[in-house]
PDB file of N, CA and C in Angstrom:
ATOM      1  N   MET A   1     -13.941  61.022-200.249  1.00  0.00           N
ATOM      2  CA  MET A   1     -14.188  59.764-199.611  1.00  0.00           C
ATOM      3  C   MET A   1     -15.551  59.853-198.941  1.00  0.00           C
ATOM      4  N   SER A   2     -16.368  58.851-199.125  1.00  0.00           N
ATOM      5  CA  SER A   2     -17.673  58.785-198.478  1.00  0.00           C
ATOM      6  C   SER A   2     -17.644  57.737-197.384  1.00  0.00           C
ATOM      7  N   LEU A   3     -18.272  58.061-196.275  1.00  0.00           N
ATOM      8  CA  LEU A   3     -18.455  57.115-195.181  1.00  0.00           C
ATOM      9  C   LEU A   3     -19.927  56.772-195.211  1.00  0.00           C
ATOM     10  N   SER A   4     -20.221  55.547-195.608  1.00  0.00           N
ATOM     11  CA  SER A   4     -21.600  55.187-195.887  1.00  0.00           C
ATOM     12  C   SER A   4     -22.172  54.215-194.875  1.00  0.00           C
ATOM     13  N   ALA A   5     -23.324  54.522-194.450  1.00  0.00           N
ATOM     14  CA  ALA A   5     -24.200  53.722-193.607  1.00  0.00           C
ATOM     15  C   ALA A   5     -25.454  54.573-193.555  1.00  0.00           C
ATOM     16  N   ASP A   6     -26.489  54.121-192.898  1.00  0.00           N
ATOM     17  CA  ASP A   6     -27.654  54.994-192.767  1.00  0.00           C
ATOM     18  C   ASP A   6     -27.173  56.282-192.110  1.00  0.00           C
ATOM     19  N   GLY A   7     -27.419  57.405-192.745  1.00  0.00           N
ATOM     20  CA  GLY A   7     -26.975  58.672-192.188  1.00  0.00           C
ATOM     21  C   GLY A   7     -25.521  58.981-192.479  1.00  0.00           C
ATOM     22  N   GLY A   8     -24.912  58.327-193.475  1.00  0.00           N
ATOM     23  CA  GLY A   8     -23.505  58.536-193.807  1.00  0.00           C
ATOM     24  C   GLY A   8     -23.242  59.948-194.311  1.00  0.00           C
ATOM     25  N   PHE A   9     -21.994  60.236-194.565  1.00  0.00           N
ATOM     26  CA  PHE A   9     -21.615  61.562-195.033  1.00  0.00           C
ATOM     27  C   PHE A   9     -20.334  61.481-195.846  1.00  0.00           C
ATOM     28  N   THR A  10     -19.959  62.598-196.446  1.00  0.00           N
ATOM     29  CA  THR A  10     -18.756  62.669-197.265  1.00  0.00           C
ATOM     30  C   THR A  10     -17.685  63.459-196.529  1.00  0.00           C
ATOM     31  N   VAL A  11     -16.493  62.890-196.487  1.00  0.00           N
ATOM     32  CA  VAL A  11     -15.315  63.572-195.952  1.00  0.00           C
ATOM     33  C   VAL A  11     -14.572  64.131-197.158  1.00  0.00           C
ATOM     34  N   ARG A  12     -14.427  65.422-197.218  1.00  0.00           N
ATOM     35  CA  ARG A  12     -13.762  66.042-198.365  1.00  0.00           C
ATOM     36  C   ARG A  12     -12.255  65.803-198.340  1.00  0.00           C
ATOM     37  N   ARG A  13     -11.684  65.799-197.126  1.00  0.00           N
ATOM     38  CA  ARG A  13     -10.236  65.665-197.021  1.00  0.00           C
ATOM     39  C   ARG A  13      -9.884  65.150-195.640  1.00  0.00           C
ATOM     40  N   LEU A  14      -8.961  64.207-195.604  1.00  0.00           N
ATOM     41  CA  LEU A  14      -8.400  63.778-194.323  1.00  0.00           C
ATOM     42  C   LEU A  14      -7.189  64.653-194.026  1.00  0.00           C
ATOM     43  N   GLU A  15      -7.054  65.088-192.794  1.00  0.00           N
ATOM     44  CA  GLU A  15      -5.919  65.921-192.416  1.00  0.00           C
ATOM     45  C   GLU A  15      -4.608  65.154-192.563  1.00  0.00           C
ATOM     46  N   GLN A  16      -4.653  63.859-192.245  1.00  0.00           N
ATOM     47  CA  GLN A  16      -3.455  63.026-192.300  1.00  0.00           C
ATOM     48  C   GLN A  16      -3.883  61.568-192.444  1.00  0.00           C
ATOM     49  N   VAL A  17      -3.082  60.773-193.131  1.00  0.00           N
ATOM     50  CA  VAL A  17      -3.298  59.337-193.261  1.00  0.00           C
ATOM     51  C   VAL A  17      -1.986  58.664-192.905  1.00  0.00           C
ATOM     52  N   GLN A  18      -2.058  57.654-192.043  1.00  0.00           N
ATOM     53  CA  GLN A  18      -0.856  56.954-191.595  1.00  0.00           C
ATOM     54  C   GLN A  18      -1.040  55.447-191.674  1.00  0.00           C
ATOM     55  N   VAL A  19       0.069  54.755-191.884  1.00  0.00           N
ATOM     56  CA  VAL A  19       0.128  53.304-191.801  1.00  0.00           C
ATOM     57  C   VAL A  19       0.825  52.982-190.490  1.00  0.00           C
ATOM     58  N   ARG A  20       0.234  52.071-189.731  1.00  0.00           N
ATOM     59  CA  ARG A  20       0.810  51.674-188.441  1.00  0.00           C
ATOM     60  C   ARG A  20       0.967  50.160-188.379  1.00  0.00           C
ATOM     61  N   ASN A  21       2.099  49.734-187.845  1.00  0.00           N
ATOM     62  CA  ASN A  21       2.326  48.308-187.618  1.00  0.00           C
ATOM     63  C   ASN A  21       1.783  47.977-186.237  1.00  0.00           C
ATOM     64  N   GLU A  22       0.622  47.347-186.202  1.00  0.00           N
ATOM     65  CA  GLU A  22      -0.007  46.976-184.939  1.00  0.00           C
ATOM     66  C   GLU A  22      -0.103  45.458-184.803  1.00  0.00           C
ATOM     67  N   THR A  23       0.855  44.773-185.435  1.00  0.00           N
ATOM     68  CA  THR A  23       0.849  43.313-185.366  1.00  0.00           C
ATOM     69  C   THR A  23       1.045  42.827-183.938  1.00  0.00           C
ATOM     70  N   GLY A  24       1.793  43.567-183.140  1.00  0.00           N
ATOM     71  CA  GLY A  24       2.004  43.201-181.741  1.00  0.00           C
ATOM     72  C   GLY A  24       0.734  43.259-180.904  1.00  0.00           C
ATOM     73  N   GLN A  25      -0.239  44.066-181.328  1.00  0.00           N
ATOM     74  CA  GLN A  25      -1.524  44.173-180.636  1.00  0.00           C
ATOM     75  C   GLN A  25      -2.587  43.278-181.266  1.00  0.00           C
ATOM     76  N   GLY A  26      -2.193  42.493-182.276  1.00  0.00           N
ATOM     77  CA  GLY A  26      -3.140  41.597-182.927  1.00  0.00           C
ATOM     78  C   GLY A  26      -3.986  42.246-184.002  1.00  0.00           C
ATOM     79  N   ASN A  27      -3.628  43.462-184.430  1.00  0.00           N
ATOM     80  CA  ASN A  27      -4.420  44.187-185.431  1.00  0.00           C
ATOM     81  C   ASN A  27      -3.808  44.163-186.819  1.00  0.00           C
ATOM     82  N   GLY A  28      -2.684  43.510-186.999  1.00  0.00           N
ATOM     83  CA  GLY A  28      -2.009  43.527-188.297  1.00  0.00           C
ATOM     84  C   GLY A  28      -1.542  44.933-188.626  1.00  0.00           C
ATOM     85  N   TRP A  29      -1.394  45.205-189.905  1.00  0.00           N
ATOM     86  CA  TRP A  29      -1.075  46.558-190.345  1.00  0.00           C
ATOM     87  C   TRP A  29      -2.384  47.335-190.433  1.00  0.00           C
ATOM     88  N   THR A  30      -2.363  48.573-189.966  1.00  0.00           N
ATOM     89  CA  THR A  30      -3.556  49.388-189.826  1.00  0.00           C
ATOM     90  C   THR A  30      -3.381  50.710-190.559  1.00  0.00           C
ATOM     91  N   VAL A  31      -4.471  51.203-191.130  1.00  0.00           N
ATOM     92  CA  VAL A  31      -4.489  52.540-191.733  1.00  0.00           C
ATOM     93  C   VAL A  31      -5.389  53.410-190.865  1.00  0.00           C
ATOM     94  N   VAL A  32      -4.850  54.541-190.422  1.00  0.00           N
ATOM     95  CA  VAL A  32      -5.633  55.484-189.627  1.00  0.00           C
ATOM     96  C   VAL A  32      -5.662  56.824-190.352  1.00  0.00           C
ATOM     97  N   GLY A  33      -6.758  57.534-190.162  1.00  0.00           N
ATOM     98  CA  GLY A  33      -6.898  58.854-190.757  1.00  0.00           C
ATOM     99  C   GLY A  33      -7.278  59.867-189.698  1.00  0.00           C
ATOM    100  N   THR A  34      -6.855  61.101-189.905  1.00  0.00           N
ATOM    101  CA  THR A  34      -7.211  62.179-188.995  1.00  0.00           C
ATOM    102  C   THR A  34      -8.256  63.057-189.678  1.00  0.00           C
ATOM    103  N   LEU A  35      -9.429  63.125-189.056  1.00  0.00           N
ATOM    104  CA  LEU A  35     -10.539  63.930-189.577  1.00  0.00           C
ATOM    105  C   LEU A  35     -10.344  65.392-189.218  1.00  0.00           C
ATOM    106  N   ASP A  36     -10.895  66.277-190.036  1.00  0.00           N
ATOM    107  CA  ASP A  36     -10.874  67.687-189.642  1.00  0.00           C
ATOM    108  C   ASP A  36     -11.945  67.913-188.583  1.00  0.00           C
ATOM    109  N   SER A  37     -11.882  69.020-187.915  1.00  0.00           N
ATOM    110  CA  SER A  37     -12.752  69.282-186.765  1.00  0.00           C
ATOM    111  C   SER A  37     -14.230  69.253-187.127  1.00  0.00           C
ATOM    112  N   GLN A  38     -14.585  69.603-188.364  1.00  0.00           N
ATOM    113  CA  GLN A  38     -15.988  69.603-188.783  1.00  0.00           C
ATOM    114  C   GLN A  38     -16.565  68.198-188.873  1.00  0.00           C
ATOM    115  N   ASP A  39     -15.710  67.196-189.125  1.00  0.00           N
ATOM    116  CA  ASP A  39     -16.191  65.833-189.324  1.00  0.00           C
ATOM    117  C   ASP A  39     -16.150  64.973-188.064  1.00  0.00           C
ATOM    118  N   VAL A  40     -15.441  65.399-187.029  1.00  0.00           N
ATOM    119  CA  VAL A  40     -15.268  64.563-185.837  1.00  0.00           C
ATOM    120  C   VAL A  40     -16.609  64.228-185.183  1.00  0.00           C
ATOM    121  N   THR A  41     -17.462  65.205-184.972  1.00  0.00           N
ATOM    122  CA  THR A  41     -18.746  64.967-184.310  1.00  0.00           C
ATOM    123  C   THR A  41     -19.657  64.095-185.166  1.00  0.00           C
ATOM    124  N   ARG A  42     -19.702  64.367-186.453  1.00  0.00           N
ATOM    125  CA  ARG A  42     -20.545  63.548-187.339  1.00  0.00           C
ATOM    126  C   ARG A  42     -20.053  62.100-187.373  1.00  0.00           C
ATOM    127  N   PHE A  43     -18.739  61.911-187.390  1.00  0.00           N
ATOM    128  CA  PHE A  43     -18.190  60.559-187.400  1.00  0.00           C
ATOM    129  C   PHE A  43     -18.496  59.849-186.081  1.00  0.00           C
ATOM    130  N   ALA A  44     -18.385  60.559-184.970  1.00  0.00           N
ATOM    131  CA  ALA A  44     -18.715  59.965-183.667  1.00  0.00           C
ATOM    132  C   ALA A  44     -20.182  59.548-183.621  1.00  0.00           C
ATOM    133  N   ASP A  45     -21.071  60.387-184.127  1.00  0.00           N
ATOM    134  CA  ASP A  45     -22.496  60.037-184.155  1.00  0.00           C
ATOM    135  C   ASP A  45     -22.746  58.811-185.038  1.00  0.00           C
ATOM    136  N   LEU A  46     -22.107  58.789-186.205  1.00  0.00           N
ATOM    137  CA  LEU A  46     -22.280  57.668-187.125  1.00  0.00           C
ATOM    138  C   LEU A  46     -21.759  56.362-186.507  1.00  0.00           C
ATOM    139  N   THR A  47     -20.556  56.402-185.937  1.00  0.00           N
ATOM    140  CA  THR A  47     -20.004  55.179-185.349  1.00  0.00           C
ATOM    141  C   THR A  47     -20.781  54.753-184.111  1.00  0.00           C
ATOM    142  N   GLY A  48     -21.332  55.695-183.384  1.00  0.00           N
ATOM    143  CA  GLY A  48     -22.154  55.358-182.228  1.00  0.00           C
ATOM    144  C   GLY A  48     -23.403  54.595-182.635  1.00  0.00           C
ATOM    145  N   SER A  49     -24.042  55.043-183.709  1.00  0.00           N
ATOM    146  CA  SER A  49     -25.245  54.346-184.165  1.00  0.00           C
ATOM    147  C   SER A  49     -24.898  52.986-184.774  1.00  0.00           C
ATOM    148  N   LEU A  50     -23.774  52.891-185.466  1.00  0.00           N
ATOM    149  CA  LEU A  50     -23.358  51.607-186.039  1.00  0.00           C
ATOM    150  C   LEU A  50     -22.992  50.592-184.960  1.00  0.00           C
ATOM    151  N   ALA A  51     -22.310  51.043-183.926  1.00  0.00           N
ATOM    152  CA  ALA A  51     -21.875  50.139-182.860  1.00  0.00           C
ATOM    153  C   ALA A  51     -23.058  49.471-182.170  1.00  0.00           C
ATOM    154  N   ALA A  52     -24.206  50.109-182.188  1.00  0.00           N
ATOM    155  CA  ALA A  52     -25.400  49.560-181.542  1.00  0.00           C
ATOM    156  C   ALA A  52     -26.117  48.523-182.405  1.00  0.00           C
ATOM    157  N   GLN A  53     -25.676  48.350-183.640  1.00  0.00           N
ATOM    158  CA  GLN A  53     -26.321  47.425-184.567  1.00  0.00           C
ATOM    159  C   GLN A  53     -25.699  46.029-184.487  1.00  0.00           C
ATOM    160  N   PRO A  54     -26.480  44.995-184.798  1.00  0.00           N
ATOM    161  CA  PRO A  54     -25.908  43.646-184.855  1.00  0.00           C
ATOM    162  C   PRO A  54     -25.086  43.485-186.135  1.00  0.00           C
ATOM    163  N   GLN A  55     -24.195  42.498-186.133  1.00  0.00           N
ATOM    164  CA  GLN A  55     -23.435  42.208-187.356  1.00  0.00           C
ATOM    165  C   GLN A  55     -24.370  41.657-188.412  1.00  0.00           C
ATOM    166  N   PRO A  56     -24.218  41.964-189.646  1.00  0.00           N
ATOM    167  CA  PRO A  56     -23.206  42.798-190.294  1.00  0.00           C
ATOM    168  C   PRO A  56     -23.625  44.255-190.442  1.00  0.00           C
ATOM    169  N   ARG A  57     -24.717  44.647-189.801  1.00  0.00           N
ATOM    170  CA  ARG A  57     -25.208  46.026-189.937  1.00  0.00           C
ATOM    171  C   ARG A  57     -24.330  47.042-189.227  1.00  0.00           C
ATOM    172  N   ASN A  58     -23.313  46.571-188.494  1.00  0.00           N
ATOM    173  CA  ASN A  58     -22.403  47.479-187.792  1.00  0.00           C
ATOM    174  C   ASN A  58     -21.140  47.749-188.606  1.00  0.00           C
ATOM    175  N   GLN A  59     -21.197  47.510-189.913  1.00  0.00           N
ATOM    176  CA  GLN A  59     -20.057  47.789-190.769  1.00  0.00           C
ATOM    177  C   GLN A  59     -20.202  49.164-191.408  1.00  0.00           C
ATOM    178  N   LEU A  60     -19.078  49.815-191.584  1.00  0.00           N
ATOM    179  CA  LEU A  60     -19.006  51.131-192.198  1.00  0.00           C
ATOM    180  C   LEU A  60     -18.369  50.970-193.572  1.00  0.00           C
ATOM    181  N   ALA A  61     -18.994  51.460-194.605  1.00  0.00           N
ATOM    182  CA  ALA A  61     -18.417  51.399-195.950  1.00  0.00           C
ATOM    183  C   ALA A  61     -17.613  52.670-196.199  1.00  0.00           C
ATOM    184  N   ILE A  62     -16.350  52.495-196.552  1.00  0.00           N
ATOM    185  CA  ILE A  62     -15.496  53.625-196.923  1.00  0.00           C
ATOM    186  C   ILE A  62     -15.321  53.541-198.428  1.00  0.00           C
ATOM    187  N   VAL A  63     -15.903  54.528-199.117  1.00  0.00           N
ATOM    188  CA  VAL A  63     -16.006  54.501-200.574  1.00  0.00           C
ATOM    189  C   VAL A  63     -15.324  55.731-201.149  1.00  0.00           C
ATOM    190  N   MET A  64     -14.568  55.526-202.231  1.00  0.00           N
ATOM    191  CA  MET A  64     -13.951  56.655-202.923  1.00  0.00           C
ATOM    192  C   MET A  64     -14.032  56.382-204.412  1.00  0.00           C
ATOM    193  N   GLY A  65     -14.557  57.345-205.161  1.00  0.00           N
ATOM    194  CA  GLY A  65     -14.693  57.167-206.594  1.00  0.00           C
ATOM    195  C   GLY A  65     -15.607  56.016-206.967  1.00  0.00           C
ATOM    196  N   GLY A  66     -16.606  55.755-206.146  1.00  0.00           N
ATOM    197  CA  GLY A  66     -17.537  54.673-206.417  1.00  0.00           C
ATOM    198  C   GLY A  66     -16.999  53.291-206.104  1.00  0.00           C
ATOM    199  N   ARG A  67     -15.813  53.214-205.506  1.00  0.00           N
ATOM    200  CA  ARG A  67     -15.187  51.929-205.210  1.00  0.00           C
ATOM    201  C   ARG A  67     -15.051  51.744-203.712  1.00  0.00           C
ATOM    202  N   LEU A  68     -15.430  50.572-203.225  1.00  0.00           N
ATOM    203  CA  LEU A  68     -15.317  50.249-201.813  1.00  0.00           C
ATOM    204  C   LEU A  68     -13.849  50.042-201.467  1.00  0.00           C
ATOM    205  N   LEU A  69     -13.333  50.877-200.557  1.00  0.00           N
ATOM    206  CA  LEU A  69     -11.940  50.759-200.135  1.00  0.00           C
ATOM    207  C   LEU A  69     -11.794  49.905-198.889  1.00  0.00           C
ATOM    208  N   SER A  70     -12.780  49.999-198.015  1.00  0.00           N
ATOM    209  CA  SER A  70     -12.706  49.277-196.748  1.00  0.00           C
ATOM    210  C   SER A  70     -14.109  49.210-196.160  1.00  0.00           C
ATOM    211  N   ASN A  71     -14.362  48.186-195.354  1.00  0.00           N
ATOM    212  CA  ASN A  71     -15.662  48.092-194.672  1.00  0.00           C
ATOM    213  C   ASN A  71     -15.459  47.563-193.251  1.00  0.00           C
ATOM    214  N   PRO A  72     -14.842  48.391-192.409  1.00  0.00           N
ATOM    215  CA  PRO A  72     -14.560  47.941-191.044  1.00  0.00           C
ATOM    216  C   PRO A  72     -15.828  47.744-190.215  1.00  0.00           C
ATOM    217  N   THR A  73     -15.741  46.801-189.287  1.00  0.00           N
ATOM    218  CA  THR A  73     -16.790  46.577-188.304  1.00  0.00           C
ATOM    219  C   THR A  73     -16.594  47.580-187.176  1.00  0.00           C
ATOM    220  N   VAL A  74     -17.652  48.255-186.783  1.00  0.00           N
ATOM    221  CA  VAL A  74     -17.584  49.274-185.734  1.00  0.00           C
ATOM    222  C   VAL A  74     -18.079  48.647-184.429  1.00  0.00           C
ATOM    223  N   MET A  75     -17.193  48.585-183.443  1.00  0.00           N
ATOM    224  CA  MET A  75     -17.516  47.962-182.169  1.00  0.00           C
ATOM    225  C   MET A  75     -17.883  48.976-181.088  1.00  0.00           C
ATOM    226  N   GLU A  76     -17.459  50.239-181.273  1.00  0.00           N
ATOM    227  CA  GLU A  76     -17.743  51.272-180.275  1.00  0.00           C
ATOM    228  C   GLU A  76     -17.764  52.635-180.945  1.00  0.00           C
ATOM    229  N   ARG A  77     -18.367  53.587-180.273  1.00  0.00           N
ATOM    230  CA  ARG A  77     -18.394  54.977-180.748  1.00  0.00           C
ATOM    231  C   ARG A  77     -16.960  55.495-180.758  1.00  0.00           C
ATOM    232  N   LEU A  78     -16.542  56.078-181.855  1.00  0.00           N
ATOM    233  CA  LEU A  78     -15.192  56.616-181.997  1.00  0.00           C
ATOM    234  C   LEU A  78     -15.271  58.132-181.924  1.00  0.00           C
ATOM    235  N   THR A  79     -14.675  58.703-180.892  1.00  0.00           N
ATOM    236  CA  THR A  79     -14.864  60.128-180.624  1.00  0.00           C
ATOM    237  C   THR A  79     -13.652  60.997-180.928  1.00  0.00           C
ATOM    238  N   GLY A  80     -12.519  60.421-181.211  1.00  0.00           N
ATOM    239  CA  GLY A  80     -11.324  61.215-181.472  1.00  0.00           C
ATOM    240  C   GLY A  80     -11.219  61.632-182.925  1.00  0.00           C
ATOM    241  N   ALA A  81     -10.261  62.492-183.203  1.00  0.00           N
ATOM    242  CA  ALA A  81     -10.043  62.954-184.572  1.00  0.00           C
ATOM    243  C   ALA A  81      -9.290  61.907-185.401  1.00  0.00           C
ATOM    244  N   THR A  82      -8.437  61.104-184.759  1.00  0.00           N
ATOM    245  CA  THR A  82      -7.694  60.069-185.466  1.00  0.00           C
ATOM    246  C   THR A  82      -8.421  58.749-185.296  1.00  0.00           C
ATOM    247  N   VAL A  83      -8.828  58.164-186.435  1.00  0.00           N
ATOM    248  CA  VAL A  83      -9.694  56.989-186.398  1.00  0.00           C
ATOM    249  C   VAL A  83      -9.135  55.876-187.285  1.00  0.00           C
ATOM    250  N   PRO A  84      -9.351  54.618-186.879  1.00  0.00           N
ATOM    251  CA  PRO A  84      -8.922  53.508-187.726  1.00  0.00           C
ATOM    252  C   PRO A  84      -9.837  53.390-188.941  1.00  0.00           C
ATOM    253  N   LEU A  85      -9.243  53.240-190.101  1.00  0.00           N
ATOM    254  CA  LEU A  85     -10.009  53.088-191.333  1.00  0.00           C
ATOM    255  C   LEU A  85      -9.974  51.653-191.838  1.00  0.00           C
ATOM    256  N   ALA A  86      -8.931  50.918-191.499  1.00  0.00           N
ATOM    257  CA  ALA A  86      -8.815  49.511-191.886  1.00  0.00           C
ATOM    258  C   ALA A  86      -7.777  48.844-190.999  1.00  0.00           C
ATOM    259  N   THR A  87      -8.064  47.615-190.596  1.00  0.00           N
ATOM    260  CA  THR A  87      -7.127  46.828-189.794  1.00  0.00           C
ATOM    261  C   THR A  87      -6.958  45.456-190.440  1.00  0.00           C
ATOM    262  N   GLN A  88      -6.078  44.675-189.870  1.00  0.00           N
ATOM    263  CA  GLN A  88      -5.834  43.305-190.333  1.00  0.00           C
ATOM    264  C   GLN A  88      -5.349  43.258-191.782  1.00  0.00           C
ATOM    265  N   LEU A  89      -4.550  44.229-192.172  1.00  0.00           N
ATOM    266  CA  LEU A  89      -4.006  44.275-193.530  1.00  0.00           C
ATOM    267  C   LEU A  89      -2.561  43.794-193.532  1.00  0.00           C
ATOM    268  N   THR A  90      -2.082  43.430-194.714  1.00  0.00           N
ATOM    269  CA  THR A  90      -0.654  43.208-194.868  1.00  0.00           C
ATOM    270  C   THR A  90       0.000  44.580-194.996  1.00  0.00           C
ATOM    271  N   GLN A  91       1.303  44.623-194.880  1.00  0.00           N
ATOM    272  CA  GLN A  91       2.000  45.899-195.026  1.00  0.00           C
ATOM    273  C   GLN A  91       1.741  46.493-196.412  1.00  0.00           C
ATOM    274  N   ALA A  92       1.787  45.675-197.452  1.00  0.00           N
ATOM    275  CA  ALA A  92       1.563  46.163-198.816  1.00  0.00           C
ATOM    276  C   ALA A  92       0.140  46.688-198.995  1.00  0.00           C
ATOM    277  N   GLN A  93      -0.844  45.982-198.450  1.00  0.00           N
ATOM    278  CA  GLN A  93      -2.234  46.439-198.546  1.00  0.00           C
ATOM    279  C   GLN A  93      -2.419  47.770-197.827  1.00  0.00           C
ATOM    280  N   ALA A  94      -1.838  47.891-196.636  1.00  0.00           N
ATOM    281  CA  ALA A  94      -1.962  49.123-195.853  1.00  0.00           C
ATOM    282  C   ALA A  94      -1.340  50.303-196.589  1.00  0.00           C
ATOM    283  N   LYS A  95      -0.158  50.097-197.152  1.00  0.00           N
ATOM    284  CA  LYS A  95       0.505  51.182-197.881  1.00  0.00           C
ATOM    285  C   LYS A  95      -0.297  51.586-199.113  1.00  0.00           C
ATOM    286  N   ALA A  96      -0.853  50.612-199.824  1.00  0.00           N
ATOM    287  CA  ALA A  96      -1.659  50.922-201.023  1.00  0.00           C
ATOM    288  C   ALA A  96      -2.914  51.698-200.660  1.00  0.00           C
ATOM    289  N   LEU A  97      -3.613  51.271-199.611  1.00  0.00           N
ATOM    290  CA  LEU A  97      -4.821  51.973-199.188  1.00  0.00           C
ATOM    291  C   LEU A  97      -4.486  53.391-198.718  1.00  0.00           C
ATOM    292  N   ALA A  98      -3.444  53.526-197.924  1.00  0.00           N
ATOM    293  CA  ALA A  98      -3.048  54.850-197.443  1.00  0.00           C
ATOM    294  C   ALA A  98      -2.718  55.790-198.592  1.00  0.00           C
ATOM    295  N   THR A  99      -2.060  55.280-199.606  1.00  0.00           N
ATOM    296  CA  THR A  99      -1.732  56.096-200.781  1.00  0.00           C
ATOM    297  C   THR A  99      -3.012  56.551-201.484  1.00  0.00           C
ATOM    298  N   GLU A 100      -3.987  55.638-201.632  1.00  0.00           N
ATOM    299  CA  GLU A 100      -5.255  56.005-202.269  1.00  0.00           C
ATOM    300  C   GLU A 100      -5.982  57.082-201.468  1.00  0.00           C
ATOM    301  N   LEU A 101      -5.816  57.059-200.155  1.00  0.00           N
ATOM    302  CA  LEU A 101      -6.494  58.016-199.294  1.00  0.00           C
ATOM    303  C   LEU A 101      -5.717  59.322-199.140  1.00  0.00           C
ATOM    304  N   GLY A 102      -4.561  59.426-199.781  1.00  0.00           N
ATOM    305  CA  GLY A 102      -3.833  60.683-199.776  1.00  0.00           C
ATOM    306  C   GLY A 102      -2.606  60.750-198.901  1.00  0.00           C
ATOM    307  N   ALA A 103      -2.106  59.619-198.421  1.00  0.00           N
ATOM    308  CA  ALA A 103      -0.891  59.641-197.610  1.00  0.00           C
ATOM    309  C   ALA A 103       0.263  60.107-198.483  1.00  0.00           C
ATOM    310  N   ARG A 104       1.193  60.809-197.855  1.00  0.00           N
ATOM    311  CA  ARG A 104       2.370  61.298-198.592  1.00  0.00           C
ATOM    312  C   ARG A 104       3.593  60.548-198.177  1.00  0.00           C
TER     313      ARG A 104
END
């Protein structure tokens, strides 16, 4: 999976991928991934630089196999290992994306 923006990078493997029902928080169904420790700092730096950009330049392209899987808008620097990869999905869309990203 590639995380693309100026200065993007490739994530070889997500430690975990989960589908979460966040409809109560107004986020719809959400897919989150857990980065390995080597990618956390790079992802935080990338999201920090994206968050400072105006729309639509603050979007992150999540690409796998040359196909765009998601392009979330980044509103703030994300510093944790578990990060949102897509929000505002239907349950079926979230499950399909999570499966493509390696959810078991």
